[in-house]
Amino acid sequence: MKQIVKIIRKVDIEKQYKHILQLEIDYELSSLFSAMNEQNEGEIEKSKKRLAEIREELEGLHAYA
């Protein structure tokens, strides 16, 4: 029984983490859009780098499709 509870908790934690990463994607896309409108190359690269990191994290969770 303990193993089942442990598995369920792990799944719940992964779902929450995926949700947080989705929120981070939304934020970074918004930041990227603003940086592109301002033609701020430094911020554009920063946002693109963070988006790539988030994508890798999602792929690691088998959540990216």
N, C-alpha and C. Protein backbone atom coordinates (compact mmCIF):
# COMPACT_ATOMS: atom_id res chain seq x y z
N MET A 1 0.81 -1.19 0.00
CA MET A 1 0.00 0.00 0.00
C MET A 1 0.86 1.27 0.00
N LYS A 2 1.95 1.23 0.76
CA LYS A 2 2.84 2.39 0.81
C LYS A 2 3.42 2.71 -0.56
N GLN A 3 3.70 1.67 -1.34
CA GLN A 3 4.26 1.89 -2.67
C GLN A 3 3.26 2.59 -3.58
N ILE A 4 2.00 2.23 -3.47
CA ILE A 4 0.96 2.85 -4.28
C ILE A 4 0.83 4.32 -3.93
N VAL A 5 0.82 4.63 -2.65
CA VAL A 5 0.73 6.02 -2.20
C VAL A 5 1.95 6.80 -2.70
N LYS A 6 3.11 6.19 -2.62
CA LYS A 6 4.34 6.84 -3.09
C LYS A 6 4.27 7.14 -4.58
N ILE A 7 3.77 6.19 -5.36
CA ILE A 7 3.63 6.38 -6.81
C ILE A 7 2.64 7.49 -7.12
N ILE A 8 1.52 7.49 -6.43
CA ILE A 8 0.50 8.52 -6.64
C ILE A 8 1.06 9.90 -6.30
N ARG A 9 1.80 10.01 -5.22
CA ARG A 9 2.40 11.29 -4.85
C ARG A 9 3.40 11.75 -5.90
N LYS A 10 4.19 10.81 -6.41
CA LYS A 10 5.17 11.15 -7.44
C LYS A 10 4.47 11.67 -8.70
N VAL A 11 3.39 11.02 -9.09
CA VAL A 11 2.63 11.46 -10.27
C VAL A 11 2.05 12.85 -10.04
N ASP A 12 1.51 13.09 -8.84
CA ASP A 12 0.96 14.41 -8.52
C ASP A 12 2.04 15.49 -8.56
N ILE A 13 3.20 15.18 -8.02
CA ILE A 13 4.31 16.14 -8.03
C ILE A 13 4.74 16.44 -9.46
N GLU A 14 4.82 15.40 -10.30
CA GLU A 14 5.20 15.61 -11.70
C GLU A 14 4.16 16.47 -12.43
N LYS A 15 2.89 16.25 -12.16
CA LYS A 15 1.83 17.05 -12.79
C LYS A 15 1.97 18.51 -12.37
N GLN A 16 2.21 18.75 -11.08
CA GLN A 16 2.38 20.11 -10.61
C GLN A 16 3.60 20.77 -11.25
N TYR A 17 4.68 20.01 -11.37
CA TYR A 17 5.90 20.54 -11.97
C TYR A 17 5.68 20.88 -13.44
N LYS A 18 4.96 20.02 -14.15
CA LYS A 18 4.64 20.29 -15.55
C LYS A 18 3.82 21.56 -15.67
N HIS A 19 2.87 21.74 -14.76
CA HIS A 19 2.04 22.94 -14.77
C HIS A 19 2.89 24.19 -14.54
N ILE A 20 3.80 24.11 -13.60
CA ILE A 20 4.70 25.24 -13.33
C ILE A 20 5.55 25.55 -14.56
N LEU A 21 6.05 24.51 -15.21
CA LEU A 21 6.85 24.73 -16.42
C LEU A 21 6.02 25.36 -17.53
N GLN A 22 4.76 24.98 -17.65
CA GLN A 22 3.88 25.60 -18.65
C GLN A 22 3.69 27.08 -18.35
N LEU A 23 3.54 27.42 -17.07
CA LEU A 23 3.42 28.83 -16.70
C LEU A 23 4.71 29.59 -17.02
N GLU A 24 5.86 28.95 -16.80
CA GLU A 24 7.13 29.57 -17.13
C GLU A 24 7.26 29.79 -18.64
N ILE A 25 6.76 28.83 -19.41
CA ILE A 25 6.79 28.99 -20.88
C ILE A 25 5.97 30.21 -21.26
N ASP A 26 4.78 30.35 -20.71
CA ASP A 26 3.93 31.51 -21.02
C ASP A 26 4.65 32.81 -20.68
N TYR A 27 5.28 32.85 -19.50
CA TYR A 27 5.99 34.05 -19.08
C TYR A 27 7.15 34.36 -20.02
N GLU A 28 7.93 33.34 -20.35
CA GLU A 28 9.09 33.57 -21.23
C GLU A 28 8.68 33.96 -22.63
N LEU A 29 7.58 33.40 -23.13
CA LEU A 29 7.09 33.80 -24.45
C LEU A 29 6.64 35.26 -24.43
N SER A 30 6.02 35.67 -23.34
CA SER A 30 5.61 37.07 -23.20
C SER A 30 6.84 37.97 -23.14
N SER A 31 7.85 37.54 -22.39
CA SER A 31 9.09 38.31 -22.30
C SER A 31 9.79 38.39 -23.66
N LEU A 32 9.78 37.28 -24.37
CA LEU A 32 10.40 37.24 -25.70
C LEU A 32 9.68 38.19 -26.64
N PHE A 33 8.36 38.17 -26.60
CA PHE A 33 7.58 39.06 -27.46
C PHE A 33 7.91 40.53 -27.17
N SER A 34 7.97 40.88 -25.89
CA SER A 34 8.31 42.26 -25.52
C SER A 34 9.71 42.63 -25.98
N ALA A 35 10.65 41.71 -25.78
CA ALA A 35 12.04 41.97 -26.19
C ALA A 35 12.15 42.14 -27.70
N MET A 36 11.38 41.34 -28.43
CA MET A 36 11.41 41.46 -29.89
C MET A 36 10.83 42.79 -30.34
N ASN A 37 9.76 43.23 -29.68
CA ASN A 37 9.17 44.53 -30.02
C ASN A 37 10.12 45.67 -29.72
N GLU A 38 10.91 45.51 -28.66
CA GLU A 38 11.88 46.55 -28.29
C GLU A 38 13.21 46.36 -29.01
N GLN A 39 13.34 45.28 -29.74
CA GLN A 39 14.57 44.91 -30.45
C GLN A 39 15.76 44.85 -29.48
N ASN A 40 15.51 44.24 -28.31
CA ASN A 40 16.51 44.09 -27.28
C ASN A 40 17.16 42.71 -27.43
N GLU A 41 18.29 42.67 -28.12
CA GLU A 41 18.95 41.40 -28.45
C GLU A 41 19.35 40.60 -27.21
N GLY A 42 19.80 41.28 -26.18
CA GLY A 42 20.21 40.59 -24.96
C GLY A 42 19.05 39.84 -24.31
N GLU A 43 17.92 40.52 -24.20
CA GLU A 43 16.73 39.89 -23.60
C GLU A 43 16.17 38.80 -24.50
N ILE A 44 16.26 38.99 -25.82
CA ILE A 44 15.79 37.96 -26.75
C ILE A 44 16.57 36.67 -26.53
N GLU A 45 17.89 36.78 -26.47
CA GLU A 45 18.73 35.59 -26.27
C GLU A 45 18.48 34.95 -24.92
N LYS A 46 18.28 35.78 -23.89
CA LYS A 46 18.02 35.27 -22.55
C LYS A 46 16.72 34.46 -22.54
N SER A 47 15.68 34.99 -23.16
CA SER A 47 14.39 34.29 -23.20
C SER A 47 14.48 33.01 -24.02
N LYS A 48 15.19 33.07 -25.14
CA LYS A 48 15.33 31.89 -25.98
C LYS A 48 16.10 30.78 -25.25
N LYS A 49 17.10 31.18 -24.49
CA LYS A 49 17.88 30.20 -23.72
C LYS A 49 17.01 29.55 -22.66
N ARG A 50 16.23 30.35 -21.94
CA ARG A 50 15.37 29.80 -20.89
C ARG A 50 14.29 28.90 -21.50
N LEU A 51 13.73 29.28 -22.64
CA LEU A 51 12.74 28.44 -23.30
C LEU A 51 13.34 27.09 -23.69
N ALA A 52 14.57 27.09 -24.16
CA ALA A 52 15.24 25.83 -24.50
C ALA A 52 15.45 24.97 -23.26
N GLU A 53 15.80 25.60 -22.14
CA GLU A 53 15.98 24.87 -20.88
C GLU A 53 14.67 24.24 -20.43
N ILE A 54 13.59 25.00 -20.53
CA ILE A 54 12.28 24.48 -20.12
C ILE A 54 11.88 23.31 -21.02
N ARG A 55 12.12 23.45 -22.32
CA ARG A 55 11.80 22.37 -23.25
C ARG A 55 12.54 21.10 -22.88
N GLU A 56 13.81 21.23 -22.54
CA GLU A 56 14.60 20.07 -22.15
C GLU A 56 14.05 19.43 -20.87
N GLU A 57 13.63 20.26 -19.93
CA GLU A 57 13.05 19.73 -18.70
C GLU A 57 11.76 18.96 -18.99
N LEU A 58 10.93 19.52 -19.87
CA LEU A 58 9.68 18.84 -20.24
C LEU A 58 9.97 17.53 -20.98
N GLU A 59 10.94 17.54 -21.84
CA GLU A 59 11.30 16.31 -22.54
C GLU A 59 11.77 15.25 -21.55
N GLY A 60 12.48 15.69 -20.54
CA GLY A 60 12.93 14.78 -19.51
C GLY A 60 11.77 14.16 -18.73
N LEU A 61 10.68 14.85 -18.66
CA LEU A 61 9.48 14.34 -17.99
C LEU A 61 8.56 13.61 -18.96
N HIS A 62 8.96 13.48 -20.19
CA HIS A 62 8.14 12.86 -21.24
C HIS A 62 6.82 13.59 -21.42
N ALA A 63 6.85 14.89 -21.26
CA ALA A 63 5.64 15.68 -21.36
C ALA A 63 5.57 16.52 -22.63
N TYR A 64 6.64 16.61 -23.34
CA TYR A 64 6.69 17.47 -24.51
C TYR A 64 6.26 16.68 -25.72
N ALA A 65 5.24 17.18 -26.40
CA ALA A 65 4.77 16.46 -27.59
C ALA A 65 4.70 17.40 -28.76
